[in-house]
Amino acid sequence: MAKKIMIDGNTAAATMAHATNEVCAIYPITPSSGMGEVADELSAEGKTNIFGTVPLVVEMQSEAGAAAAVHGSLTSGALTTTFTASQGLLLMIPTMFKVAGELSPTVFHVSARSVACQALSIFGDHSDIMAVRQTGFALLGSSSIQEIGDMALIAQAATLES
């Protein structure tokens, strides 16, 4: 019988990402989703991925730096991911064009959130996702926590197949 646990969507995505990657590039900022912190905790606890190694979690100085770290790590052949939302995703757009153009296999885990135009906003919508449609990344969505975990794994498998 499978062990049942109660988690949120950020933990579901981060757990799958940690299990299927060798490098996680993060930039923890407030407010942010907890995905980067969960991946960092899993590595600090010595939890291994499906390859039997503990993923390297690299904390960068900005969201743009996290995207650049993903690109550099992918170029060296490591399976790499990152986590972001809102304005952070917008800062990753230039690197997303490069990664997609090189057909590098990666998944950016995004908790969709409103792009704040005048003041800080933590409301959920898809304005950040809609801003990256032209980058060449495939966009997958989910509507439940179970789907978040499933789609994180499916996205990783799909990017390796393409």
Protein backbone atom coordinates (compact mmCIF):
# COMPACT_ATOMS: atom_id res chain seq x y z
CA MET A 1 0.00 0.00 0.00
CA ALA A 2 1.29 3.42 -0.93
CA LYS A 3 2.14 5.82 1.85
CA LYS A 4 -0.14 8.85 1.81
CA ILE A 5 1.14 12.26 2.81
CA MET A 6 -0.44 15.69 2.94
CA ILE A 7 1.57 18.40 1.17
CA ASP A 8 1.01 21.63 -0.71
CA GLY A 9 1.62 22.21 -4.41
CA ASN A 10 5.00 23.86 -3.92
CA THR A 11 6.27 20.84 -1.99
CA ALA A 12 4.88 18.45 -4.62
CA ALA A 13 6.69 20.28 -7.45
CA ALA A 14 9.93 20.71 -5.52
CA THR A 15 10.02 17.08 -4.40
CA MET A 16 9.63 15.81 -7.97
CA ALA A 17 12.14 18.34 -9.28
CA HIS A 18 14.66 17.35 -6.62
CA ALA A 19 14.16 13.67 -7.43
CA THR A 20 14.73 14.10 -11.18
CA ASN A 21 17.51 16.69 -11.44
CA GLU A 22 21.19 17.02 -10.60
CA VAL A 23 21.22 20.80 -10.08
CA CYS A 24 18.57 23.20 -8.74
CA ALA A 25 19.34 26.90 -9.26
CA ILE A 26 17.36 29.05 -6.83
CA TYR A 27 16.92 32.65 -5.78
CA PRO A 28 14.89 32.91 -2.58
CA ILE A 29 13.08 36.22 -2.39
CA THR A 30 10.12 37.49 -0.41
CA PRO A 31 7.38 36.92 -1.33
CA SER A 32 8.08 33.69 -3.17
CA SER A 33 6.85 30.16 -3.40
CA GLY A 34 8.43 27.63 -1.11
CA MET A 35 9.75 25.42 -3.92
CA GLY A 36 13.37 26.56 -3.76
CA GLU A 37 13.48 26.25 0.00
CA VAL A 38 12.02 22.72 -0.13
CA ALA A 39 14.64 21.61 -2.67
CA ASP A 40 17.36 23.18 -0.52
CA GLU A 41 16.08 21.37 2.59
CA LEU A 42 15.96 18.02 0.77
CA SER A 43 19.57 18.39 -0.36
CA ALA A 44 20.68 19.57 3.09
CA GLU A 45 19.09 16.43 4.56
CA GLY A 46 21.08 14.31 2.10
CA LYS A 47 18.05 13.04 0.17
CA THR A 48 19.17 11.47 -3.09
CA ASN A 49 17.59 11.77 -6.51
CA ILE A 50 16.66 8.85 -8.78
CA PHE A 51 20.30 8.67 -9.90
CA GLY A 52 21.52 8.06 -6.34
CA THR A 53 23.20 11.44 -5.89
CA VAL A 54 22.26 14.46 -3.81
CA PRO A 55 21.30 17.32 -6.15
CA LEU A 56 23.41 20.46 -5.92
CA VAL A 57 21.33 23.48 -4.92
CA VAL A 58 22.92 26.71 -6.13
CA GLU A 59 21.64 29.96 -4.60
CA MET A 60 22.10 32.86 -6.99
CA GLN A 61 22.04 36.66 -6.56
CA SER A 62 18.96 37.22 -8.75
CA GLU A 63 16.32 35.44 -10.80
CA ALA A 64 18.28 36.34 -13.93
CA GLY A 65 21.33 34.75 -12.32
CA ALA A 66 19.34 31.60 -11.51
CA ALA A 67 18.27 31.33 -15.16
CA ALA A 68 21.87 31.87 -16.31
CA ALA A 69 23.03 29.18 -13.86
CA VAL A 70 20.47 26.81 -15.37
CA HIS A 71 21.80 27.56 -18.84
CA GLY A 72 25.42 27.07 -17.82
CA SER A 73 24.67 23.86 -15.98
CA LEU A 74 22.67 22.49 -18.91
CA THR A 75 25.54 23.34 -21.24
CA SER A 76 27.83 21.19 -19.11
CA GLY A 77 25.38 18.29 -19.37
CA ALA A 78 23.73 18.31 -15.94
CA LEU A 79 19.97 17.91 -15.56
CA THR A 80 18.98 21.27 -14.10
CA THR A 81 15.84 23.05 -12.96
CA THR A 82 14.74 26.26 -11.28
CA PHE A 83 11.69 27.63 -9.47
CA THR A 84 10.12 31.06 -9.90
CA ALA A 85 6.99 33.21 -10.19
CA SER A 86 5.78 36.62 -11.28
CA GLN A 87 8.47 39.27 -11.86
CA GLY A 88 11.17 36.64 -11.36
CA LEU A 89 9.91 34.75 -14.40
CA LEU A 90 9.97 37.95 -16.45
CA LEU A 91 13.66 38.39 -15.60
CA MET A 92 14.35 34.91 -16.97
CA ILE A 93 12.89 35.57 -20.44
CA PRO A 94 16.19 36.39 -22.25
CA THR A 95 17.78 33.18 -21.00
CA MET A 96 14.63 31.18 -21.76
CA PHE A 97 14.97 32.13 -25.44
CA LYS A 98 18.56 30.86 -25.42
CA VAL A 99 17.74 27.60 -23.60
CA ALA A 100 14.78 26.85 -25.88
CA GLY A 101 16.77 27.75 -29.00
CA GLU A 102 19.49 25.30 -28.00
CA LEU A 103 16.86 22.61 -27.28
CA SER A 104 18.34 22.10 -23.82
CA PRO A 105 16.23 19.75 -21.65
CA THR A 106 14.97 21.63 -18.60
CA VAL A 107 11.84 22.40 -16.62
CA PHE A 108 11.13 25.77 -14.99
CA HIS A 109 8.65 25.22 -12.16
CA VAL A 110 6.42 28.29 -11.93
CA SER A 111 3.75 29.08 -9.37
CA ALA A 112 1.59 31.36 -11.48
CA ARG A 113 1.14 34.75 -9.87
CA SER A 114 0.07 38.20 -10.89
CA VAL A 115 2.69 40.51 -12.34
CA ALA A 116 2.68 43.58 -10.10
CA CYS A 117 2.43 46.71 -12.20
CA GLN A 118 2.27 49.37 -9.50
CA ALA A 119 2.54 47.70 -6.09
CA LEU A 120 3.48 44.30 -4.78
CA SER A 121 0.89 41.67 -5.66
CA ILE A 122 0.64 38.09 -4.48
CA PHE A 123 -2.66 37.32 -6.20
CA GLY A 124 -2.82 34.28 -8.45
CA ASP A 125 -3.37 34.68 -12.17
CA HIS A 126 -1.56 33.75 -15.36
CA SER A 127 -0.10 37.09 -16.45
CA ASP A 128 3.45 35.88 -15.77
CA ILE A 129 2.92 32.69 -17.79
CA MET A 130 1.34 34.56 -20.69
CA ALA A 131 4.41 36.79 -20.90
CA VAL A 132 6.67 33.83 -21.77
CA ARG A 133 4.55 32.16 -24.46
CA GLN A 134 6.87 33.32 -27.24
CA THR A 135 10.08 31.89 -25.71
CA GLY A 136 9.74 28.41 -27.20
CA PHE A 137 9.13 26.67 -23.87
CA ALA A 138 6.25 24.19 -23.71
CA LEU A 139 3.72 25.34 -21.12
CA LEU A 140 1.98 22.74 -18.99
CA GLY A 141 -0.53 23.49 -16.27
CA SER A 142 -2.24 21.71 -13.42
CA SER A 143 -5.31 22.29 -11.30
CA SER A 144 -4.72 20.11 -8.25
CA ILE A 145 -1.83 19.17 -6.01
CA GLN A 146 -1.81 15.62 -7.36
CA GLU A 147 -1.58 17.02 -10.89
CA ILE A 148 1.28 19.31 -9.85
CA GLY A 149 3.38 16.34 -8.76
CA ASP A 150 2.37 14.28 -11.78
CA MET A 151 3.02 17.09 -14.27
CA ALA A 152 6.42 17.86 -12.74
CA LEU A 153 7.45 14.28 -13.49
CA ILE A 154 5.78 14.22 -16.92
CA ALA A 155 7.43 17.53 -17.87
CA GLN A 156 10.85 16.19 -16.90
CA ALA A 157 10.32 13.02 -18.96
CA ALA A 158 9.01 15.01 -21.93
CA THR A 159 11.93 17.44 -21.97
CA LEU A 160 14.40 14.54 -21.96
CA GLU A 161 12.53 12.88 -24.84
CA SER A 162 12.39 15.98 -27.05
